Amino acid sequence: MTRRPRKTKLKFWPVDVKRRTKRRKPPRQARRKRNAFSARLTIDITPDLRARIKITAFERGVTVAYMLRLLLLKTFPRARGGRR
C-alpha cells in the first residue's frame, strides 16, 4: 500500500500582524464613485425590453446601469437655478 504524500508544511504568520490586518481605505476616486450614485431606482420592465437594453449596452461597450444613467440625465437635465 502506498502512503499519502504530506499535503503542505506549516506556514508562519508574518512578523508584523498589525500591518497585515490593517484595513485599507479605498482610493479616493472609488469613494467618490460609490457616493455619486447612492439612491436606487427600481422599475418593472418586460423580459423583452430587458433583453433589448442589455444587448444595446453590450453593443455600446458600457454597462446597463451606466447607459440608463446617461439616458435619465438626458431626459431629466438639472435645473439651472439648483433644485426643481
PDB file of N, CA and C in Angstrom:
ATOM      1  N   MET A   1       0.834  -1.178   0.000  1.00  0.00           N
ATOM      2  CA  MET A   1       0.000   0.000   0.000  1.00  0.00           C
ATOM      3  C   MET A   1       0.884   1.249   0.000  1.00  0.00           C
ATOM      4  N   THR A   2       0.456   2.259  -0.737  1.00  0.00           N
ATOM      5  CA  THR A   2       1.259   3.475  -0.812  1.00  0.00           C
ATOM      6  C   THR A   2       0.809   4.482   0.232  1.00  0.00           C
ATOM      7  N   ARG A   3       1.748   5.264   0.656  1.00  0.00           N
ATOM      8  CA  ARG A   3       1.439   6.299   1.635  1.00  0.00           C
ATOM      9  C   ARG A   3       0.991   7.563   0.925  1.00  0.00           C
ATOM     10  N   ARG A   4       0.094   8.249   1.559  1.00  0.00           N
ATOM     11  CA  ARG A   4      -0.348   9.540   1.031  1.00  0.00           C
ATOM     12  C   ARG A   4       0.743  10.573   1.223  1.00  0.00           C
ATOM     13  N   PRO A   5       1.008  11.381   0.198  1.00  0.00           N
ATOM     14  CA  PRO A   5       2.023  12.420   0.397  1.00  0.00           C
ATOM     15  C   PRO A   5       1.520  13.477   1.372  1.00  0.00           C
ATOM     16  N   ARG A   6       2.435  14.036   2.075  1.00  0.00           N
ATOM     17  CA  ARG A   6       2.094  15.077   3.031  1.00  0.00           C
ATOM     18  C   ARG A   6       1.577  16.300   2.279  1.00  0.00           C
ATOM     19  N   LYS A   7       0.464  16.872   2.719  1.00  0.00           N
ATOM     20  CA  LYS A   7      -0.165  17.975   1.985  1.00  0.00           C
ATOM     21  C   LYS A   7       0.724  19.207   1.908  1.00  0.00           C
ATOM     22  N   THR A   8       0.863  19.911   2.973  1.00  0.00           N
ATOM     23  CA  THR A   8       1.719  21.095   2.993  1.00  0.00           C
ATOM     24  C   THR A   8       2.365  21.218   4.357  1.00  0.00           C
ATOM     25  N   LYS A   9       3.416  21.942   4.367  1.00  0.00           N
ATOM     26  CA  LYS A   9       4.072  22.212   5.636  1.00  0.00           C
ATOM     27  C   LYS A   9       3.417  23.428   6.272  1.00  0.00           C
ATOM     28  N   LEU A  10       3.599  23.564   7.542  1.00  0.00           N
ATOM     29  CA  LEU A  10       3.045  24.720   8.239  1.00  0.00           C
ATOM     30  C   LEU A  10       3.709  25.992   7.745  1.00  0.00           C
ATOM     31  N   LYS A  11       2.907  27.009   7.593  1.00  0.00           N
ATOM     32  CA  LYS A  11       3.438  28.299   7.179  1.00  0.00           C
ATOM     33  C   LYS A  11       3.322  29.248   8.358  1.00  0.00           C
ATOM     34  N   PHE A  12       4.299  30.101   8.495  1.00  0.00           N
ATOM     35  CA  PHE A  12       4.328  31.021   9.621  1.00  0.00           C
ATOM     36  C   PHE A  12       3.700  32.354   9.241  1.00  0.00           C
ATOM     37  N   TRP A  13       3.067  32.977  10.217  1.00  0.00           N
ATOM     38  CA  TRP A  13       2.478  34.294  10.019  1.00  0.00           C
ATOM     39  C   TRP A  13       3.591  35.322   9.888  1.00  0.00           C
ATOM     40  N   PRO A  14       3.317  36.411   9.175  1.00  0.00           N
ATOM     41  CA  PRO A  14       4.330  37.466   9.097  1.00  0.00           C
ATOM     42  C   PRO A  14       4.540  38.093  10.472  1.00  0.00           C
ATOM     43  N   VAL A  15       5.681  38.661  10.655  1.00  0.00           N
ATOM     44  CA  VAL A  15       6.027  39.244  11.950  1.00  0.00           C
ATOM     45  C   VAL A  15       5.105  40.408  12.286  1.00  0.00           C
ATOM     46  N   ASP A  16       4.827  41.270  11.326  1.00  0.00           N
ATOM     47  CA  ASP A  16       4.017  42.461  11.564  1.00  0.00           C
ATOM     48  C   ASP A  16       2.542  42.154  11.296  1.00  0.00           C
ATOM     49  N   VAL A  17       1.861  41.613  12.290  1.00  0.00           N
ATOM     50  CA  VAL A  17       0.461  41.226  12.128  1.00  0.00           C
ATOM     51  C   VAL A  17      -0.434  42.444  11.956  1.00  0.00           C
ATOM     52  N   LYS A  18      -0.137  43.548  12.647  1.00  0.00           N
ATOM     53  CA  LYS A  18      -0.966  44.749  12.533  1.00  0.00           C
ATOM     54  C   LYS A  18      -0.986  45.267  11.105  1.00  0.00           C
ATOM     55  N   ARG A  19       0.159  45.265  10.462  1.00  0.00           N
ATOM     56  CA  ARG A  19       0.225  45.745   9.082  1.00  0.00           C
ATOM     57  C   ARG A  19      -0.575  44.833   8.150  1.00  0.00           C
ATOM     58  N   ARG A  20      -0.532  43.556   8.431  1.00  0.00           N
ATOM     59  CA  ARG A  20      -1.223  42.593   7.587  1.00  0.00           C
ATOM     60  C   ARG A  20      -2.737  42.701   7.739  1.00  0.00           C
ATOM     61  N   THR A  21      -3.214  43.001   8.939  1.00  0.00           N
ATOM     62  CA  THR A  21      -4.648  43.034   9.189  1.00  0.00           C
ATOM     63  C   THR A  21      -5.246  44.428   9.114  1.00  0.00           C
ATOM     64  N   LYS A  22      -4.429  45.434   8.902  1.00  0.00           N
ATOM     65  CA  LYS A  22      -4.921  46.808   8.852  1.00  0.00           C
ATOM     66  C   LYS A  22      -5.870  46.977   7.667  1.00  0.00           C
ATOM     67  N   ARG A  23      -7.001  47.574   7.926  1.00  0.00           N
ATOM     68  CA  ARG A  23      -7.981  47.791   6.868  1.00  0.00           C
ATOM     69  C   ARG A  23      -7.522  48.944   5.983  1.00  0.00           C
ATOM     70  N   ARG A  24      -7.479  48.682   4.704  1.00  0.00           N
ATOM     71  CA  ARG A  24      -7.039  49.710   3.771  1.00  0.00           C
ATOM     72  C   ARG A  24      -8.228  50.523   3.291  1.00  0.00           C
ATOM     73  N   LYS A  25      -8.016  51.822   3.135  1.00  0.00           N
ATOM     74  CA  LYS A  25      -9.059  52.682   2.597  1.00  0.00           C
ATOM     75  C   LYS A  25      -9.074  52.550   1.084  1.00  0.00           C
ATOM     76  N   PRO A  26     -10.258  52.562   0.482  1.00  0.00           N
ATOM     77  CA  PRO A  26     -10.296  52.524  -0.982  1.00  0.00           C
ATOM     78  C   PRO A  26      -9.734  53.820  -1.553  1.00  0.00           C
ATOM     79  N   PRO A  27      -9.257  53.786  -2.779  1.00  0.00           N
ATOM     80  CA  PRO A  27      -8.742  55.016  -3.392  1.00  0.00           C
ATOM     81  C   PRO A  27      -9.809  56.107  -3.414  1.00  0.00           C
ATOM     82  N   ARG A  28      -9.369  57.354  -3.414  1.00  0.00           N
ATOM     83  CA  ARG A  28     -10.280  58.494  -3.364  1.00  0.00           C
ATOM     84  C   ARG A  28     -11.298  58.447  -4.497  1.00  0.00           C
ATOM     85  N   GLN A  29     -10.856  58.089  -5.684  1.00  0.00           N
ATOM     86  CA  GLN A  29     -11.752  58.048  -6.840  1.00  0.00           C
ATOM     87  C   GLN A  29     -12.852  57.005  -6.634  1.00  0.00           C
ATOM     88  N   ALA A  30     -12.515  55.859  -6.067  1.00  0.00           N
ATOM     89  CA  ALA A  30     -13.511  54.819  -5.826  1.00  0.00           C
ATOM     90  C   ALA A  30     -14.532  55.277  -4.796  1.00  0.00           C
ATOM     91  N   ARG A  31     -14.081  56.003  -3.760  1.00  0.00           N
ATOM     92  CA  ARG A  31     -15.030  56.507  -2.756  1.00  0.00           C
ATOM     93  C   ARG A  31     -15.987  57.502  -3.372  1.00  0.00           C
ATOM     94  N   ARG A  32     -15.459  58.390  -4.237  1.00  0.00           N
ATOM     95  CA  ARG A  32     -16.314  59.371  -4.893  1.00  0.00           C
ATOM     96  C   ARG A  32     -17.338  58.682  -5.780  1.00  0.00           C
ATOM     97  N   LYS A  33     -16.909  57.688  -6.515  1.00  0.00           N
ATOM     98  CA  LYS A  33     -17.801  56.983  -7.430  1.00  0.00           C
ATOM     99  C   LYS A  33     -18.908  56.274  -6.656  1.00  0.00           C
ATOM    100  N   ARG A  34     -18.552  55.660  -5.530  1.00  0.00           N
ATOM    101  CA  ARG A  34     -19.531  54.937  -4.740  1.00  0.00           C
ATOM    102  C   ARG A  34     -20.599  55.882  -4.191  1.00  0.00           C
ATOM    103  N   ASN A  35     -20.212  57.093  -3.785  1.00  0.00           N
ATOM    104  CA  ASN A  35     -21.151  58.044  -3.213  1.00  0.00           C
ATOM    105  C   ASN A  35     -21.928  58.815  -4.270  1.00  0.00           C
ATOM    106  N   ALA A  36     -21.447  58.829  -5.499  1.00  0.00           N
ATOM    107  CA  ALA A  36     -22.090  59.615  -6.542  1.00  0.00           C
ATOM    108  C   ALA A  36     -23.492  59.101  -6.855  1.00  0.00           C
ATOM    109  N   PHE A  37     -23.696  57.812  -6.784  1.00  0.00           N
ATOM    110  CA  PHE A  37     -24.994  57.225  -7.115  1.00  0.00           C
ATOM    111  C   PHE A  37     -25.485  56.409  -5.927  1.00  0.00           C
ATOM    112  N   SER A  38     -25.940  57.109  -4.900  1.00  0.00           N
ATOM    113  CA  SER A  38     -26.305  56.406  -3.679  1.00  0.00           C
ATOM    114  C   SER A  38     -27.772  56.003  -3.616  1.00  0.00           C
ATOM    115  N   ALA A  39     -28.629  56.568  -4.467  1.00  0.00           N
ATOM    116  CA  ALA A  39     -30.048  56.219  -4.440  1.00  0.00           C
ATOM    117  C   ALA A  39     -30.330  55.115  -5.451  1.00  0.00           C
ATOM    118  N   ARG A  40     -31.222  54.225  -5.107  1.00  0.00           N
ATOM    119  CA  ARG A  40     -31.601  53.139  -6.012  1.00  0.00           C
ATOM    120  C   ARG A  40     -32.980  53.421  -6.587  1.00  0.00           C
ATOM    121  N   LEU A  41     -33.157  52.998  -7.829  1.00  0.00           N
ATOM    122  CA  LEU A  41     -34.426  53.153  -8.519  1.00  0.00           C
ATOM    123  C   LEU A  41     -34.814  51.785  -9.060  1.00  0.00           C
ATOM    124  N   THR A  42     -35.995  51.319  -8.707  1.00  0.00           N
ATOM    125  CA  THR A  42     -36.451  50.011  -9.161  1.00  0.00           C
ATOM    126  C   THR A  42     -37.671  50.196 -10.042  1.00  0.00           C
ATOM    127  N   ILE A  43     -37.631  49.574 -11.227  1.00  0.00           N
ATOM    128  CA  ILE A  43     -38.765  49.645 -12.146  1.00  0.00           C
ATOM    129  C   ILE A  43     -39.075  48.248 -12.661  1.00  0.00           C
ATOM    130  N   ASP A  44     -40.309  48.042 -13.053  1.00  0.00           N
ATOM    131  CA  ASP A  44     -40.716  46.771 -13.649  1.00  0.00           C
ATOM    132  C   ASP A  44     -40.713  46.919 -15.158  1.00  0.00           C
ATOM    133  N   ILE A  45     -40.011  46.018 -15.844  1.00  0.00           N
ATOM    134  CA  ILE A  45     -39.983  46.018 -17.304  1.00  0.00           C
ATOM    135  C   ILE A  45     -40.199  44.594 -17.792  1.00  0.00           C
ATOM    136  N   THR A  46     -40.582  44.478 -19.041  1.00  0.00           N
ATOM    137  CA  THR A  46     -40.806  43.152 -19.616  1.00  0.00           C
ATOM    138  C   THR A  46     -39.463  42.476 -19.887  1.00  0.00           C
ATOM    139  N   PRO A  47     -39.442  41.167 -19.922  1.00  0.00           N
ATOM    140  CA  PRO A  47     -38.199  40.461 -20.253  1.00  0.00           C
ATOM    141  C   PRO A  47     -37.658  40.843 -21.635  1.00  0.00           C
ATOM    142  N   ASP A  48     -38.558  41.125 -22.587  1.00  0.00           N
ATOM    143  CA  ASP A  48     -38.130  41.526 -23.924  1.00  0.00           C
ATOM    144  C   ASP A  48     -37.390  42.868 -23.885  1.00  0.00           C
ATOM    145  N   LEU A  49     -37.942  43.835 -23.154  1.00  0.00           N
ATOM    146  CA  LEU A  49     -37.292  45.142 -23.043  1.00  0.00           C
ATOM    147  C   LEU A  49     -35.952  45.021 -22.323  1.00  0.00           C
ATOM    148  N   ARG A  50     -35.908  44.212 -21.289  1.00  0.00           N
ATOM    149  CA  ARG A  50     -34.654  43.991 -20.556  1.00  0.00           C
ATOM    150  C   ARG A  50     -33.587  43.428 -21.479  1.00  0.00           C
ATOM    151  N   ALA A  51     -33.968  42.482 -22.308  1.00  0.00           N
ATOM    152  CA  ALA A  51     -33.015  41.887 -23.254  1.00  0.00           C
ATOM    153  C   ALA A  51     -32.518  42.924 -24.255  1.00  0.00           C
ATOM    154  N   ARG A  52     -33.428  43.764 -24.758  1.00  0.00           N
ATOM    155  CA  ARG A  52     -33.017  44.797 -25.717  1.00  0.00           C
ATOM    156  C   ARG A  52     -32.063  45.803 -25.083  1.00  0.00           C
ATOM    157  N   ILE A  53     -32.333  46.170 -23.830  1.00  0.00           N
ATOM    158  CA  ILE A  53     -31.459  47.111 -23.124  1.00  0.00           C
ATOM    159  C   ILE A  53     -30.072  46.499 -22.941  1.00  0.00           C
ATOM    160  N   LYS A  54     -30.022  45.230 -22.528  1.00  0.00           N
ATOM    161  CA  LYS A  54     -28.739  44.569 -22.311  1.00  0.00           C
ATOM    162  C   LYS A  54     -27.942  44.441 -23.606  1.00  0.00           C
ATOM    163  N   ILE A  55     -28.614  44.104 -24.696  1.00  0.00           N
ATOM    164  CA  ILE A  55     -27.934  43.968 -25.988  1.00  0.00           C
ATOM    165  C   ILE A  55     -27.381  45.311 -26.441  1.00  0.00           C
ATOM    166  N   THR A  56     -28.187  46.364 -26.301  1.00  0.00           N
ATOM    167  CA  THR A  56     -27.738  47.699 -26.703  1.00  0.00           C
ATOM    168  C   THR A  56     -26.536  48.145 -25.875  1.00  0.00           C
ATOM    169  N   ALA A  57     -26.580  47.907 -24.577  1.00  0.00           N
ATOM    170  CA  ALA A  57     -25.456  48.278 -23.709  1.00  0.00           C
ATOM    171  C   ALA A  57     -24.198  47.506 -24.106  1.00  0.00           C
ATOM    172  N   PHE A  58     -24.353  46.230 -24.405  1.00  0.00           N
ATOM    173  CA  PHE A  58     -23.205  45.418 -24.816  1.00  0.00           C
ATOM    174  C   PHE A  58     -22.614  45.927 -26.125  1.00  0.00           C
ATOM    175  N   GLU A  59     -23.486  46.277 -27.073  1.00  0.00           N
ATOM    176  CA  GLU A  59     -23.009  46.789 -28.360  1.00  0.00           C
ATOM    177  C   GLU A  59     -22.259  48.111 -28.200  1.00  0.00           C
ATOM    178  N   ARG A  60     -22.674  48.920 -27.244  1.00  0.00           N
ATOM    179  CA  ARG A  60     -22.015  50.205 -26.998  1.00  0.00           C
ATOM    180  C   ARG A  60     -20.779  50.065 -26.116  1.00  0.00           C
ATOM    181  N   GLY A  61     -20.603  48.905 -25.526  1.00  0.00           N
ATOM    182  CA  GLY A  61     -19.438  48.670 -24.679  1.00  0.00           C
ATOM    183  C   GLY A  61     -19.532  49.306 -23.313  1.00  0.00           C
ATOM    184  N   VAL A  62     -20.748  49.465 -22.805  1.00  0.00           N
ATOM    185  CA  VAL A  62     -20.949  50.051 -21.479  1.00  0.00           C
ATOM    186  C   VAL A  62     -21.838  49.126 -20.660  1.00  0.00           C
ATOM    187  N   THR A  63     -21.944  49.423 -19.375  1.00  0.00           N
ATOM    188  CA  THR A  63     -22.842  48.642 -18.529  1.00  0.00           C
ATOM    189  C   THR A  63     -24.268  49.155 -18.685  1.00  0.00           C
ATOM    190  N   VAL A  64     -25.211  48.316 -18.325  1.00  0.00           N
ATOM    191  CA  VAL A  64     -26.621  48.710 -18.394  1.00  0.00           C
ATOM    192  C   VAL A  64     -26.868  49.895 -17.465  1.00  0.00           C
ATOM    193  N   ALA A  65     -26.314  49.857 -16.270  1.00  0.00           N
ATOM    194  CA  ALA A  65     -26.515  50.945 -15.304  1.00  0.00           C
ATOM    195  C   ALA A  65     -25.987  52.265 -15.844  1.00  0.00           C
ATOM    196  N   TYR A  66     -24.797  52.233 -16.430  1.00  0.00           N
ATOM    197  CA  TYR A  66     -24.204  53.458 -16.979  1.00  0.00           C
ATOM    198  C   TYR A  66     -25.062  54.009 -18.113  1.00  0.00           C
ATOM    199  N   MET A  67     -25.501  53.130 -19.007  1.00  0.00           N
ATOM    200  CA  MET A  67     -26.308  53.568 -20.141  1.00  0.00           C
ATOM    201  C   MET A  67     -27.636  54.183 -19.668  1.00  0.00           C
ATOM    202  N   LEU A  68     -28.265  53.565 -18.687  1.00  0.00           N
ATOM    203  CA  LEU A  68     -29.534  54.097 -18.184  1.00  0.00           C
ATOM    204  C   LEU A  68     -29.341  55.405 -17.421  1.00  0.00           C
ATOM    205  N   ARG A  69     -28.214  55.554 -16.713  1.00  0.00           N
ATOM    206  CA  ARG A  69     -27.933  56.837 -16.046  1.00  0.00           C
ATOM    207  C   ARG A  69     -27.820  57.957 -17.070  1.00  0.00           C
ATOM    208  N   LEU A  70     -27.095  57.693 -18.169  1.00  0.00           N
ATOM    209  CA  LEU A  70     -26.967  58.710 -19.217  1.00  0.00           C
ATOM    210  C   LEU A  70     -28.324  59.064 -19.807  1.00  0.00           C
ATOM    211  N   LEU A  71     -29.136  58.052 -20.055  1.00  0.00           N
ATOM    212  CA  LEU A  71     -30.469  58.284 -20.609  1.00  0.00           C
ATOM    213  C   LEU A  71     -31.318  59.137 -19.667  1.00  0.00           C
ATOM    214  N   LEU A  72     -31.263  58.839 -18.383  1.00  0.00           N
ATOM    215  CA  LEU A  72     -32.035  59.620 -17.410  1.00  0.00           C
ATOM    216  C   LEU A  72     -31.511  61.047 -17.297  1.00  0.00           C
ATOM    217  N   LEU A  73     -30.191  61.219 -17.362  1.00  0.00           N
ATOM    218  CA  LEU A  73     -29.631  62.574 -17.303  1.00  0.00           C
ATOM    219  C   LEU A  73     -30.020  63.400 -18.523  1.00  0.00           C
ATOM    220  N   LYS A  74     -30.098  62.778 -19.692  1.00  0.00           N
ATOM    221  CA  LYS A  74     -30.525  63.494 -20.898  1.00  0.00           C
ATOM    222  C   LYS A  74     -32.006  63.839 -20.830  1.00  0.00           C
ATOM    223  N   THR A  75     -32.801  62.918 -20.302  1.00  0.00           N
ATOM    224  CA  THR A  75     -34.243  63.126 -20.230  1.00  0.00           C
ATOM    225  C   THR A  75     -34.617  64.139 -19.157  1.00  0.00           C
ATOM    226  N   PHE A  76     -33.915  64.105 -18.037  1.00  0.00           N
ATOM    227  CA  PHE A  76     -34.206  64.997 -16.917  1.00  0.00           C
ATOM    228  C   PHE A  76     -32.962  65.813 -16.572  1.00  0.00           C
ATOM    229  N   PRO A  77     -32.651  66.855 -17.359  1.00  0.00           N
ATOM    230  CA  PRO A  77     -31.444  67.653 -17.076  1.00  0.00           C
ATOM    231  C   PRO A  77     -31.612  68.442 -15.782  1.00  0.00           C
ATOM    232  N   ARG A  78     -30.485  68.837 -15.217  1.00  0.00           N
ATOM    233  CA  ARG A  78     -30.523  69.638 -13.991  1.00  0.00           C
ATOM    234  C   ARG A  78     -31.092  71.013 -14.288  1.00  0.00           C
ATOM    235  N   ALA A  79     -31.841  71.530 -13.337  1.00  0.00           N
ATOM    236  CA  ALA A  79     -32.376  72.882 -13.479  1.00  0.00           C
ATOM    237  C   ALA A  79     -31.235  73.870 -13.288  1.00  0.00           C
ATOM    238  N   ARG A  80     -31.276  74.989 -13.974  1.00  0.00           N
ATOM    239  CA  ARG A  80     -30.176  75.962 -13.909  1.00  0.00           C
ATOM    240  C   ARG A  80     -30.076  76.637 -12.556  1.00  0.00           C
ATOM    241  N   GLY A  81     -31.172  76.843 -11.888  1.00  0.00           N
ATOM    242  CA  GLY A  81     -31.160  77.550 -10.612  1.00  0.00           C
ATOM    243  C   GLY A  81     -30.975  76.644  -9.413  1.00  0.00           C
ATOM    244  N   GLY A  82     -30.624  75.410  -9.611  1.00  0.00           N
ATOM    245  CA  GLY A  82     -30.485  74.478  -8.491  1.00  0.00           C
ATOM    246  C   GLY A  82     -31.516  73.385  -8.602  1.00  0.00           C
ATOM    247  N   ARG A  83     -32.194  73.115  -7.491  1.00  0.00           N
ATOM    248  CA  ARG A  83     -33.219  72.066  -7.493  1.00  0.00           C
ATOM    249  C   ARG A  83     -34.507  72.562  -8.101  1.00  0.00           C
ATOM    250  N   ARG A  84     -35.274  71.647  -8.612  1.00  0.00           N
ATOM    251  CA  ARG A  84     -36.604  71.979  -9.136  1.00  0.00           C
ATOM    252  C   ARG A  84     -37.647  71.792  -8.092  1.00  0.00           C
TER     253      ARG A  84
END
